[in-house]
């Protein structure tokens, strides 16, 4: 495998993050804090020397990727399969509003990766659509004698599902990964025959 290392970075903060509002496929931009987070993280992420940079095409992830791409001297590539989990009827609501309308729903969503919000998708669904991106990145880097790094800029739910799937964890264990903070990142390394988690929750 030419793809030796995968760096997965979450986007910077949005106003909805600050308000604890469910974003999903809705598309708020980075707020002032989020833009500062992206600028602070960009040189640290660029130091991994990624050969490729792909990002969710949702604006909060794309703006973060642009900051990294500038430091890394790369052209970022949009990838719709890296979009955040669709939260269906919950999008735009706060946690308390969700709990009022769907008692017990938040607990089910947080603890069961196969459970989906009404009108939305489960984390298992997210992993199924996002995981093929890894094989495609490896194929794109194929033929190189160097073992290379690719970088993904996406969303907390997507990164969590993608990581747990890449590590071949049983679905019941997926929720043991703590949520990534805004502009935090994870590192996966491919050694011998499998992906291994090298770091989780790194920050500027």
N, C-alpha and C. Protein backbone atom coordinates (compact mmCIF):
# COMPACT_ATOMS: atom_id res chain seq x y z
N UNK A 1 0.84 -1.19 0.00
CA UNK A 1 0.00 0.00 0.00
C UNK A 1 0.88 1.25 0.00
N UNK A 2 0.68 2.12 -1.00
CA UNK A 2 1.45 3.36 -1.07
C UNK A 2 0.98 4.39 -0.05
N UNK A 3 -0.30 4.31 0.30
CA UNK A 3 -0.86 5.23 1.30
C UNK A 3 -0.53 4.69 2.69
N UNK A 4 0.49 5.28 3.30
CA UNK A 4 0.93 4.81 4.61
C UNK A 4 0.23 5.52 5.75
N UNK A 5 -0.02 6.82 5.57
CA UNK A 5 -0.55 7.62 6.68
C UNK A 5 -1.74 8.43 6.21
N UNK A 6 -2.75 8.47 7.05
CA UNK A 6 -3.96 9.24 6.77
C UNK A 6 -4.21 10.20 7.92
N UNK A 7 -4.29 11.47 7.61
CA UNK A 7 -4.58 12.49 8.61
C UNK A 7 -6.01 12.96 8.37
N UNK A 8 -6.84 12.88 9.40
CA UNK A 8 -8.26 13.25 9.29
C UNK A 8 -8.52 14.42 10.22
N UNK A 9 -8.83 15.57 9.65
CA UNK A 9 -9.00 16.79 10.44
C UNK A 9 -10.45 17.27 10.39
N UNK A 10 -10.96 17.66 11.55
CA UNK A 10 -12.30 18.23 11.62
C UNK A 10 -12.23 19.72 11.31
N UNK A 11 -13.31 20.25 10.81
CA UNK A 11 -13.41 21.67 10.46
C UNK A 11 -13.38 22.55 11.71
N UNK A 12 -13.12 23.83 11.50
CA UNK A 12 -13.17 24.81 12.57
C UNK A 12 -14.59 25.10 13.04
N UNK A 13 -14.69 25.90 14.09
CA UNK A 13 -15.98 26.16 14.73
C UNK A 13 -16.89 27.01 13.87
N UNK A 14 -18.17 26.72 13.95
CA UNK A 14 -19.21 27.58 13.37
C UNK A 14 -20.04 28.16 14.52
N UNK A 15 -20.85 29.13 14.21
CA UNK A 15 -21.74 29.69 15.23
C UNK A 15 -22.68 28.60 15.77
N UNK A 16 -23.09 27.70 14.90
CA UNK A 16 -23.97 26.62 15.35
C UNK A 16 -23.25 25.68 16.30
N UNK A 17 -21.96 25.44 16.08
CA UNK A 17 -21.20 24.66 17.06
C UNK A 17 -21.24 25.37 18.42
N UNK A 18 -21.04 26.68 18.40
CA UNK A 18 -21.03 27.45 19.64
C UNK A 18 -22.38 27.40 20.34
N UNK A 19 -23.47 27.28 19.57
CA UNK A 19 -24.82 27.23 20.12
C UNK A 19 -25.29 25.80 20.40
N UNK A 20 -24.41 24.81 20.17
CA UNK A 20 -24.77 23.39 20.33
C UNK A 20 -26.00 23.03 19.49
N UNK A 21 -25.97 23.53 18.25
CA UNK A 21 -27.08 23.29 17.32
C UNK A 21 -26.67 22.23 16.31
N UNK A 22 -27.57 21.33 15.98
CA UNK A 22 -27.27 20.21 15.09
C UNK A 22 -27.14 20.71 13.65
N UNK A 23 -25.99 20.44 13.02
CA UNK A 23 -25.74 20.96 11.68
C UNK A 23 -26.06 19.96 10.58
N UNK A 24 -25.48 18.77 10.66
CA UNK A 24 -25.74 17.78 9.63
C UNK A 24 -25.40 18.31 8.25
N UNK A 25 -26.36 18.22 7.33
CA UNK A 25 -26.14 18.66 5.96
C UNK A 25 -26.38 20.15 5.76
N UNK A 26 -26.90 20.84 6.78
CA UNK A 26 -27.02 22.29 6.67
C UNK A 26 -25.62 22.89 6.69
N UNK A 27 -25.46 24.12 6.21
CA UNK A 27 -24.13 24.54 5.80
C UNK A 27 -23.68 25.89 6.36
N UNK A 28 -23.68 26.07 7.67
CA UNK A 28 -23.15 27.32 8.21
C UNK A 28 -21.64 27.43 7.98
N UNK A 29 -21.18 28.64 7.80
CA UNK A 29 -19.75 28.91 7.56
C UNK A 29 -19.01 28.95 8.90
N UNK A 30 -17.70 28.96 8.84
CA UNK A 30 -16.89 29.16 10.04
C UNK A 30 -17.18 30.52 10.64
N UNK A 31 -17.19 30.59 11.97
CA UNK A 31 -17.28 31.90 12.61
C UNK A 31 -15.86 32.44 12.83
N UNK A 32 -15.74 33.56 13.51
CA UNK A 32 -14.42 34.17 13.70
C UNK A 32 -13.47 33.23 14.44
N UNK A 33 -13.99 32.55 15.45
CA UNK A 33 -13.15 31.59 16.18
C UNK A 33 -12.74 30.44 15.26
N UNK A 34 -13.66 29.96 14.46
CA UNK A 34 -13.35 28.86 13.55
C UNK A 34 -12.30 29.22 12.52
N UNK A 35 -12.36 30.44 12.02
CA UNK A 35 -11.35 30.88 11.05
C UNK A 35 -9.98 30.94 11.72
N UNK A 36 -9.94 31.43 12.96
CA UNK A 36 -8.67 31.48 13.69
C UNK A 36 -8.15 30.07 13.96
N UNK A 37 -9.05 29.15 14.29
CA UNK A 37 -8.64 27.76 14.52
C UNK A 37 -8.02 27.16 13.26
N UNK A 38 -8.66 27.40 12.12
CA UNK A 38 -8.15 26.85 10.87
C UNK A 38 -6.76 27.41 10.54
N UNK A 39 -6.58 28.69 10.76
CA UNK A 39 -5.27 29.31 10.48
C UNK A 39 -4.20 28.78 11.43
N UNK A 40 -4.57 28.52 12.68
CA UNK A 40 -3.60 28.00 13.64
C UNK A 40 -3.24 26.55 13.34
N UNK A 41 -4.22 25.76 12.93
CA UNK A 41 -3.96 24.35 12.66
C UNK A 41 -3.26 24.12 11.33
N UNK A 42 -3.44 25.03 10.38
CA UNK A 42 -2.95 24.81 9.02
C UNK A 42 -1.46 24.49 8.94
N UNK A 43 -0.56 25.26 9.55
CA UNK A 43 0.86 24.91 9.42
C UNK A 43 1.22 23.58 10.08
N UNK A 44 0.52 23.22 11.16
CA UNK A 44 0.79 21.95 11.82
C UNK A 44 0.34 20.79 10.94
N UNK A 45 -0.81 20.94 10.29
CA UNK A 45 -1.29 19.91 9.40
C UNK A 45 -0.43 19.82 8.14
N UNK A 46 0.01 20.95 7.63
CA UNK A 46 0.87 20.96 6.44
C UNK A 46 2.20 20.27 6.72
N UNK A 47 2.64 20.28 7.97
CA UNK A 47 3.91 19.66 8.34
C UNK A 47 3.91 18.15 8.13
N UNK A 48 2.74 17.53 8.01
CA UNK A 48 2.68 16.10 7.70
C UNK A 48 3.01 15.82 6.24
N UNK A 49 3.14 16.87 5.44
CA UNK A 49 3.52 16.79 4.03
C UNK A 49 2.59 15.87 3.23
N UNK A 50 1.30 16.17 3.26
CA UNK A 50 0.36 15.33 2.49
C UNK A 50 0.61 15.44 1.00
N UNK A 51 0.46 14.31 0.32
CA UNK A 51 0.56 14.31 -1.14
C UNK A 51 -0.77 14.67 -1.77
N UNK A 52 -1.87 14.40 -1.05
CA UNK A 52 -3.21 14.70 -1.53
C UNK A 52 -4.03 15.28 -0.39
N UNK A 53 -4.93 16.18 -0.74
CA UNK A 53 -5.83 16.78 0.25
C UNK A 53 -7.24 16.77 -0.33
N UNK A 54 -8.12 16.01 0.32
CA UNK A 54 -9.52 15.97 -0.10
C UNK A 54 -10.38 16.43 1.06
N UNK A 55 -11.51 17.03 0.74
CA UNK A 55 -12.34 17.62 1.79
C UNK A 55 -13.80 17.50 1.44
N UNK A 56 -14.62 17.42 2.47
CA UNK A 56 -16.06 17.58 2.29
C UNK A 56 -16.31 18.90 1.58
N UNK A 57 -17.32 18.90 0.70
CA UNK A 57 -17.64 20.14 -0.01
C UNK A 57 -18.58 21.05 0.77
N UNK A 58 -18.91 20.69 2.02
CA UNK A 58 -19.67 21.61 2.85
C UNK A 58 -18.76 22.76 3.29
N UNK A 59 -19.32 23.95 3.36
CA UNK A 59 -18.50 25.15 3.44
C UNK A 59 -17.59 25.17 4.65
N UNK A 60 -18.04 24.68 5.80
CA UNK A 60 -17.20 24.73 7.00
C UNK A 60 -15.95 23.87 6.86
N UNK A 61 -16.08 22.73 6.21
CA UNK A 61 -14.92 21.88 5.96
C UNK A 61 -14.06 22.45 4.83
N UNK A 62 -14.72 22.97 3.81
CA UNK A 62 -13.97 23.47 2.66
C UNK A 62 -13.11 24.69 3.03
N UNK A 63 -13.66 25.60 3.84
CA UNK A 63 -12.87 26.77 4.28
C UNK A 63 -11.66 26.33 5.10
N UNK A 64 -11.85 25.32 5.94
CA UNK A 64 -10.74 24.80 6.74
C UNK A 64 -9.69 24.18 5.82
N UNK A 65 -10.14 23.41 4.84
CA UNK A 65 -9.21 22.77 3.89
C UNK A 65 -8.43 23.81 3.09
N UNK A 66 -9.09 24.91 2.74
CA UNK A 66 -8.39 25.96 1.98
C UNK A 66 -7.22 26.52 2.78
N UNK A 67 -7.39 26.70 4.07
CA UNK A 67 -6.31 27.21 4.91
C UNK A 67 -5.14 26.24 4.94
N UNK A 68 -5.44 24.94 5.06
CA UNK A 68 -4.39 23.92 5.07
C UNK A 68 -3.72 23.85 3.71
N UNK A 69 -4.52 23.87 2.65
CA UNK A 69 -3.97 23.76 1.30
C UNK A 69 -2.98 24.89 0.99
N UNK A 70 -3.28 26.08 1.48
CA UNK A 70 -2.38 27.20 1.24
C UNK A 70 -1.03 26.96 1.88
N UNK A 71 -1.04 26.44 3.10
CA UNK A 71 0.22 26.15 3.80
C UNK A 71 0.96 24.98 3.15
N UNK A 72 0.21 23.98 2.69
CA UNK A 72 0.82 22.78 2.14
C UNK A 72 1.13 22.90 0.65
N UNK A 73 0.72 24.02 0.04
CA UNK A 73 0.92 24.25 -1.38
C UNK A 73 0.28 23.13 -2.21
N UNK A 74 -0.97 22.85 -1.88
CA UNK A 74 -1.75 21.84 -2.57
C UNK A 74 -3.04 22.45 -3.09
N UNK A 75 -3.65 21.79 -4.04
CA UNK A 75 -4.99 22.16 -4.50
C UNK A 75 -5.97 21.18 -3.86
N UNK A 76 -6.86 21.65 -2.99
CA UNK A 76 -7.80 20.73 -2.34
C UNK A 76 -8.83 20.22 -3.33
N UNK A 77 -9.32 19.03 -3.09
CA UNK A 77 -10.30 18.41 -3.98
C UNK A 77 -11.59 18.15 -3.20
N UNK A 78 -12.72 18.62 -3.70
CA UNK A 78 -13.98 18.38 -3.00
C UNK A 78 -14.44 16.93 -3.17
N UNK A 79 -14.98 16.38 -2.08
CA UNK A 79 -15.45 15.00 -2.10
C UNK A 79 -16.79 14.92 -1.36
N UNK A 80 -17.90 14.86 -2.10
CA UNK A 80 -19.22 14.85 -1.47
C UNK A 80 -19.44 13.68 -0.52
N UNK A 81 -18.76 12.56 -0.72
CA UNK A 81 -18.95 11.40 0.15
C UNK A 81 -18.42 11.64 1.57
N UNK A 82 -17.69 12.74 1.76
CA UNK A 82 -17.16 13.07 3.08
C UNK A 82 -18.06 14.06 3.82
N UNK A 83 -19.24 14.32 3.31
CA UNK A 83 -20.17 15.23 4.00
C UNK A 83 -20.55 14.67 5.37
N UNK A 84 -21.04 15.56 6.21
CA UNK A 84 -21.45 15.16 7.55
C UNK A 84 -22.68 14.26 7.50
N UNK A 85 -22.89 13.53 8.57
CA UNK A 85 -24.07 12.70 8.74
C UNK A 85 -25.34 13.52 8.52
N UNK A 86 -26.21 13.03 7.70
CA UNK A 86 -27.51 13.67 7.56
C UNK A 86 -28.32 13.40 8.83
N UNK A 87 -28.79 14.47 9.46
CA UNK A 87 -29.55 14.34 10.71
C UNK A 87 -31.05 14.51 10.50
N UNK A 88 -31.47 14.59 9.25
CA UNK A 88 -32.89 14.60 8.94
C UNK A 88 -33.66 15.69 9.67
N UNK A 89 -34.69 15.29 10.40
CA UNK A 89 -35.59 16.24 11.06
C UNK A 89 -34.91 16.99 12.20
N UNK A 90 -33.73 16.56 12.62
CA UNK A 90 -33.06 17.21 13.73
C UNK A 90 -32.20 18.41 13.32
N UNK A 91 -31.94 18.55 12.05
CA UNK A 91 -31.01 19.59 11.62
C UNK A 91 -31.54 20.98 11.95
N UNK A 92 -30.67 21.79 12.52
CA UNK A 92 -31.02 23.14 12.93
C UNK A 92 -31.51 23.24 14.36
N UNK A 93 -31.70 22.11 15.03
CA UNK A 93 -32.23 22.10 16.39
C UNK A 93 -31.10 21.97 17.42
N UNK A 94 -31.35 22.45 18.63
CA UNK A 94 -30.43 22.23 19.73
C UNK A 94 -30.71 20.85 20.34
N UNK A 95 -29.78 20.38 21.17
CA UNK A 95 -29.98 19.09 21.82
C UNK A 95 -31.25 19.06 22.65
N UNK A 96 -31.52 20.15 23.37
CA UNK A 96 -32.73 20.18 24.20
C UNK A 96 -34.00 20.14 23.35
N UNK A 97 -33.96 20.78 22.20
CA UNK A 97 -35.12 20.74 21.30
C UNK A 97 -35.32 19.34 20.73
N UNK A 98 -34.23 18.66 20.42
CA UNK A 98 -34.34 17.28 19.94
C UNK A 98 -34.92 16.39 21.03
N UNK A 99 -34.43 16.53 22.25
CA UNK A 99 -34.91 15.69 23.35
C UNK A 99 -36.38 15.94 23.64
N UNK A 100 -36.81 17.20 23.48
CA UNK A 100 -38.23 17.51 23.71
C UNK A 100 -39.12 16.86 22.66
N UNK A 101 -38.64 16.83 21.42
CA UNK A 101 -39.45 16.27 20.35
C UNK A 101 -39.32 14.77 20.19
N UNK A 102 -38.16 14.22 20.54
CA UNK A 102 -37.90 12.79 20.38
C UNK A 102 -37.23 12.25 21.65
N UNK A 103 -37.98 12.10 22.72
CA UNK A 103 -37.39 11.66 23.99
C UNK A 103 -36.60 10.36 23.83
N UNK A 104 -35.36 10.38 24.31
CA UNK A 104 -34.50 9.20 24.20
C UNK A 104 -33.76 9.09 22.89
N UNK A 105 -34.10 9.94 21.94
CA UNK A 105 -33.47 9.84 20.61
C UNK A 105 -31.99 10.14 20.64
N UNK A 106 -31.60 11.18 21.37
CA UNK A 106 -30.18 11.54 21.42
C UNK A 106 -29.34 10.41 22.01
N UNK A 107 -29.84 9.77 23.05
CA UNK A 107 -29.09 8.67 23.66
C UNK A 107 -28.95 7.51 22.69
N UNK A 108 -30.00 7.21 21.96
CA UNK A 108 -29.94 6.14 20.96
C UNK A 108 -28.93 6.47 19.87
N UNK A 109 -28.93 7.71 19.43
CA UNK A 109 -28.02 8.13 18.37
C UNK A 109 -26.57 8.10 18.83
N UNK A 110 -26.33 8.49 20.07
CA UNK A 110 -24.97 8.54 20.58
C UNK A 110 -24.39 7.17 20.87
N UNK A 111 -25.22 6.20 21.17
CA UNK A 111 -24.71 4.91 21.62
C UNK A 111 -24.88 3.78 20.61
N UNK A 112 -25.70 3.97 19.59
CA UNK A 112 -25.94 2.92 18.61
C UNK A 112 -25.62 3.43 17.21
N UNK A 113 -24.44 3.08 16.65
CA UNK A 113 -24.05 3.58 15.34
C UNK A 113 -24.96 3.14 14.20
N UNK A 114 -25.78 2.12 14.44
CA UNK A 114 -26.70 1.66 13.40
C UNK A 114 -28.05 2.38 13.46
N UNK A 115 -28.23 3.26 14.45
CA UNK A 115 -29.50 3.97 14.62
C UNK A 115 -29.44 5.30 13.88
N UNK A 116 -30.50 5.65 13.20
CA UNK A 116 -30.54 6.89 12.42
C UNK A 116 -31.62 7.82 12.95
N UNK A 117 -31.36 9.13 12.99
CA UNK A 117 -32.42 10.09 13.33
C UNK A 117 -33.53 10.03 12.28
N UNK A 118 -34.72 10.48 12.61
CA UNK A 118 -35.82 10.43 11.64
C UNK A 118 -35.48 11.24 10.37
N UNK A 119 -35.52 10.55 9.25
CA UNK A 119 -35.22 11.20 7.98
C UNK A 119 -33.73 11.35 7.71
N UNK A 120 -32.88 10.81 8.59
CA UNK A 120 -31.43 10.96 8.44
C UNK A 120 -30.74 9.63 8.18
N UNK A 121 -29.44 9.59 8.46
CA UNK A 121 -28.66 8.39 8.23
C UNK A 121 -27.89 8.01 9.50
N UNK A 122 -27.57 6.74 9.62
CA UNK A 122 -26.79 6.26 10.75
C UNK A 122 -25.29 6.44 10.47
N UNK A 123 -24.48 6.25 11.50
CA UNK A 123 -23.04 6.31 11.31
C UNK A 123 -22.56 5.14 10.46
N UNK A 124 -23.24 4.02 10.52
CA UNK A 124 -22.92 2.90 9.64
C UNK A 124 -23.13 3.31 8.19
N UNK A 125 -24.23 4.01 7.92
CA UNK A 125 -24.49 4.53 6.57
C UNK A 125 -23.35 5.45 6.13
N UNK A 126 -22.90 6.32 7.03
CA UNK A 126 -21.84 7.26 6.72
C UNK A 126 -20.55 6.52 6.36
N UNK A 127 -20.21 5.52 7.15
CA UNK A 127 -19.00 4.75 6.88
C UNK A 127 -19.06 4.06 5.53
N UNK A 128 -20.23 3.53 5.18
CA UNK A 128 -20.37 2.83 3.90
C UNK A 128 -20.15 3.74 2.71
N UNK A 129 -20.57 5.00 2.84
CA UNK A 129 -20.37 5.92 1.70
C UNK A 129 -18.97 6.53 1.69
N UNK A 130 -18.35 6.68 2.87
CA UNK A 130 -17.06 7.36 2.95
C UNK A 130 -15.87 6.42 2.80
N UNK A 131 -16.00 5.18 3.25
CA UNK A 131 -14.85 4.28 3.29
C UNK A 131 -14.20 4.04 1.92
N UNK A 132 -14.96 3.93 0.82
CA UNK A 132 -14.31 3.72 -0.48
C UNK A 132 -13.32 4.82 -0.86
N UNK A 133 -13.45 6.01 -0.27
CA UNK A 133 -12.51 7.09 -0.56
C UNK A 133 -11.08 6.68 -0.22
N UNK A 134 -10.89 5.89 0.85
CA UNK A 134 -9.55 5.49 1.27
C UNK A 134 -8.89 4.62 0.20
N UNK A 135 -9.62 3.65 -0.32
CA UNK A 135 -9.06 2.78 -1.36
C UNK A 135 -8.73 3.58 -2.62
N UNK A 136 -9.56 4.57 -2.92
CA UNK A 136 -9.30 5.38 -4.10
C UNK A 136 -8.07 6.26 -3.93
N UNK A 137 -7.86 6.77 -2.72
CA UNK A 137 -6.65 7.55 -2.45
C UNK A 137 -5.41 6.67 -2.58
N UNK A 138 -5.49 5.46 -2.05
CA UNK A 138 -4.36 4.55 -2.17
C UNK A 138 -4.07 4.22 -3.63
N UNK A 139 -5.12 3.98 -4.41
CA UNK A 139 -4.93 3.67 -5.83
C UNK A 139 -4.31 4.86 -6.56
N UNK A 140 -4.72 6.06 -6.18
CA UNK A 140 -4.18 7.26 -6.83
C UNK A 140 -2.70 7.44 -6.54
N UNK A 141 -2.29 7.03 -5.34
CA UNK A 141 -0.88 7.13 -4.97
C UNK A 141 -0.08 5.91 -5.39
N UNK A 142 -0.75 4.91 -5.94
CA UNK A 142 -0.09 3.67 -6.33
C UNK A 142 1.00 3.90 -7.36
N UNK A 143 2.01 3.05 -7.30
CA UNK A 143 3.14 3.17 -8.23
C UNK A 143 4.28 3.97 -7.67
N UNK A 144 4.04 4.70 -6.60
CA UNK A 144 5.12 5.45 -5.97
C UNK A 144 5.94 4.52 -5.08
N UNK A 145 7.23 4.69 -5.08
CA UNK A 145 8.08 3.89 -4.20
C UNK A 145 8.05 4.43 -2.78
N UNK A 146 7.61 5.67 -2.61
CA UNK A 146 7.52 6.25 -1.28
C UNK A 146 6.17 5.91 -0.65
N UNK A 147 6.19 5.72 0.65
CA UNK A 147 4.95 5.53 1.39
C UNK A 147 4.45 6.91 1.79
N UNK A 148 3.27 7.25 1.35
CA UNK A 148 2.85 8.64 1.37
C UNK A 148 1.70 8.91 2.34
N UNK A 149 1.44 10.21 2.51
CA UNK A 149 0.39 10.70 3.41
C UNK A 149 -0.72 11.35 2.59
N UNK A 150 -1.96 11.05 2.94
CA UNK A 150 -3.12 11.76 2.40
C UNK A 150 -3.84 12.43 3.56
N UNK A 151 -4.53 13.51 3.26
CA UNK A 151 -5.24 14.26 4.30
C UNK A 151 -6.69 14.42 3.90
N UNK A 152 -7.56 14.24 4.88
CA UNK A 152 -9.00 14.43 4.72
C UNK A 152 -9.44 15.51 5.70
N UNK A 153 -10.19 16.49 5.22
CA UNK A 153 -10.80 17.50 6.09
C UNK A 153 -12.31 17.30 5.99
N UNK A 154 -12.92 17.00 7.12
CA UNK A 154 -14.34 16.65 7.09
C UNK A 154 -15.01 17.04 8.41
N UNK A 155 -15.84 16.17 8.92
CA UNK A 155 -16.73 16.47 10.04
C UNK A 155 -16.57 15.42 11.13
N UNK A 156 -16.95 15.79 12.36
CA UNK A 156 -16.76 14.90 13.48
C UNK A 156 -17.41 13.54 13.31
N UNK A 157 -18.68 13.53 12.91
CA UNK A 157 -19.38 12.27 12.73
C UNK A 157 -18.78 11.42 11.62
N UNK A 158 -18.43 12.07 10.53
CA UNK A 158 -17.85 11.35 9.39
C UNK A 158 -16.49 10.78 9.75
N UNK A 159 -15.67 11.57 10.41
CA UNK A 159 -14.33 11.10 10.78
C UNK A 159 -14.42 9.94 11.77
N UNK A 160 -15.32 10.04 12.74
CA UNK A 160 -15.49 8.96 13.70
C UNK A 160 -15.91 7.66 13.03
N UNK A 161 -16.89 7.74 12.13
CA UNK A 161 -17.37 6.55 11.44
C UNK A 161 -16.30 5.97 10.53
N UNK A 162 -15.59 6.84 9.84
CA UNK A 162 -14.55 6.39 8.92
C UNK A 162 -13.40 5.73 9.68
N UNK A 163 -13.03 6.31 10.81
CA UNK A 163 -11.94 5.76 11.61
C UNK A 163 -12.31 4.39 12.17
N UNK A 164 -13.47 4.28 12.79
CA UNK A 164 -13.88 3.01 13.37
C UNK A 164 -14.01 1.92 12.30
N UNK A 165 -14.49 2.31 11.13
CA UNK A 165 -14.62 1.35 10.04
C UNK A 165 -13.25 0.91 9.53
N UNK A 166 -12.33 1.87 9.37
CA UNK A 166 -10.99 1.53 8.89
C UNK A 166 -10.26 0.61 9.86
N UNK A 167 -10.52 0.78 11.16
CA UNK A 167 -9.88 -0.05 12.18
C UNK A 167 -10.58 -1.40 12.36
N UNK A 168 -11.68 -1.59 11.62
CA UNK A 168 -12.46 -2.83 11.67
C UNK A 168 -12.99 -3.11 13.07
N UNK A 169 -13.35 -2.06 13.79
CA UNK A 169 -13.95 -2.24 15.11
C UNK A 169 -15.37 -2.79 14.96
N UNK A 170 -15.81 -3.61 15.89
CA UNK A 170 -17.23 -4.01 15.88
C UNK A 170 -18.10 -2.77 16.09
N UNK A 171 -19.24 -2.76 15.45
CA UNK A 171 -20.10 -1.57 15.49
C UNK A 171 -20.45 -1.17 16.92
N UNK A 172 -20.62 -2.13 17.81
CA UNK A 172 -21.00 -1.80 19.18
C UNK A 172 -19.91 -1.01 19.91
N UNK A 173 -18.69 -1.00 19.38
CA UNK A 173 -17.58 -0.28 20.03
C UNK A 173 -17.33 1.09 19.43
N UNK A 174 -18.02 1.45 18.37
CA UNK A 174 -17.73 2.70 17.69
C UNK A 174 -17.88 3.92 18.60
N UNK A 175 -18.86 3.89 19.49
CA UNK A 175 -19.12 5.07 20.32
C UNK A 175 -18.05 5.29 21.38
N UNK A 176 -17.07 4.38 21.49
CA UNK A 176 -16.00 4.57 22.46
C UNK A 176 -14.98 5.61 22.02
N UNK A 177 -15.00 6.01 20.76
CA UNK A 177 -14.18 7.12 20.30
C UNK A 177 -14.79 8.43 20.81
N UNK A 178 -14.01 9.22 21.51
CA UNK A 178 -14.53 10.49 22.00
C UNK A 178 -14.70 11.46 20.82
N UNK A 179 -15.67 12.36 20.87
CA UNK A 179 -15.86 13.31 19.77
C UNK A 179 -14.63 14.19 19.57
N UNK A 180 -14.29 14.46 18.33
CA UNK A 180 -13.18 15.38 18.03
C UNK A 180 -13.64 16.82 18.26
N UNK A 181 -12.80 17.63 18.86
CA UNK A 181 -13.08 19.06 18.97
C UNK A 181 -12.91 19.71 17.60
N UNK A 182 -13.43 20.91 17.46
CA UNK A 182 -13.24 21.65 16.21
C UNK A 182 -11.76 21.85 15.92
N UNK A 183 -11.37 21.55 14.69
CA UNK A 183 -10.00 21.67 14.19
C UNK A 183 -9.02 20.73 14.89
N UNK A 184 -9.53 19.69 15.53
CA UNK A 184 -8.67 18.61 16.02
C UNK A 184 -8.52 17.58 14.91
N UNK A 185 -7.52 16.70 15.05
CA UNK A 185 -7.30 15.71 14.00
C UNK A 185 -6.85 14.37 14.57
N UNK A 186 -6.95 13.36 13.72
CA UNK A 186 -6.54 12.00 14.04
C UNK A 186 -5.53 11.53 13.00
N UNK A 187 -4.73 10.54 13.38
CA UNK A 187 -3.75 9.97 12.47
C UNK A 187 -3.92 8.46 12.44
N UNK A 188 -4.09 7.92 11.25
CA UNK A 188 -4.09 6.48 11.03
C UNK A 188 -2.85 6.12 10.23
N UNK A 189 -2.21 5.01 10.59
CA UNK A 189 -1.05 4.52 9.84
C UNK A 189 -1.31 3.10 9.39
N UNK A 190 -0.96 2.81 8.15
CA UNK A 190 -1.13 1.46 7.62
C UNK A 190 0.18 0.71 7.80
N UNK A 191 0.13 -0.34 8.61
CA UNK A 191 1.31 -1.15 8.88
C UNK A 191 1.00 -2.62 8.66
N UNK A 192 1.84 -3.25 7.87
CA UNK A 192 1.74 -4.67 7.52
C UNK A 192 0.45 -4.95 6.75
N UNK A 193 -0.65 -5.16 7.45
CA UNK A 193 -1.87 -5.56 6.75
C UNK A 193 -3.11 -4.81 7.20
N UNK A 194 -2.93 -3.75 7.99
CA UNK A 194 -4.13 -3.10 8.52
C UNK A 194 -3.85 -1.66 8.92
N UNK A 195 -4.95 -0.91 9.07
CA UNK A 195 -4.87 0.44 9.60
C UNK A 195 -4.77 0.37 11.12
N UNK A 196 -3.96 1.27 11.68
CA UNK A 196 -3.78 1.36 13.12
C UNK A 196 -3.93 2.82 13.53
N UNK A 197 -4.54 3.03 14.69
CA UNK A 197 -4.74 4.39 15.19
C UNK A 197 -3.48 4.86 15.88
N UNK A 198 -2.86 5.89 15.32
CA UNK A 198 -1.63 6.44 15.90
C UNK A 198 -1.92 7.56 16.88
N UNK A 199 -2.90 8.40 16.56
CA UNK A 199 -3.22 9.53 17.44
C UNK A 199 -4.67 9.95 17.21
N UNK A 200 -5.25 10.51 18.28
CA UNK A 200 -6.65 10.95 18.20
C UNK A 200 -6.79 12.22 19.03
N UNK A 201 -7.40 13.25 18.47
CA UNK A 201 -7.70 14.47 19.21
C UNK A 201 -6.54 15.43 19.31
N UNK A 202 -5.60 15.38 18.36
CA UNK A 202 -4.51 16.36 18.37
C UNK A 202 -5.06 17.73 18.00
N UNK A 203 -4.45 18.78 18.56
CA UNK A 203 -4.93 20.14 18.31
C UNK A 203 -3.77 21.12 18.25
N UNK A 204 -4.04 22.28 17.66
CA UNK A 204 -3.04 23.36 17.64
C UNK A 204 -2.88 23.93 19.03
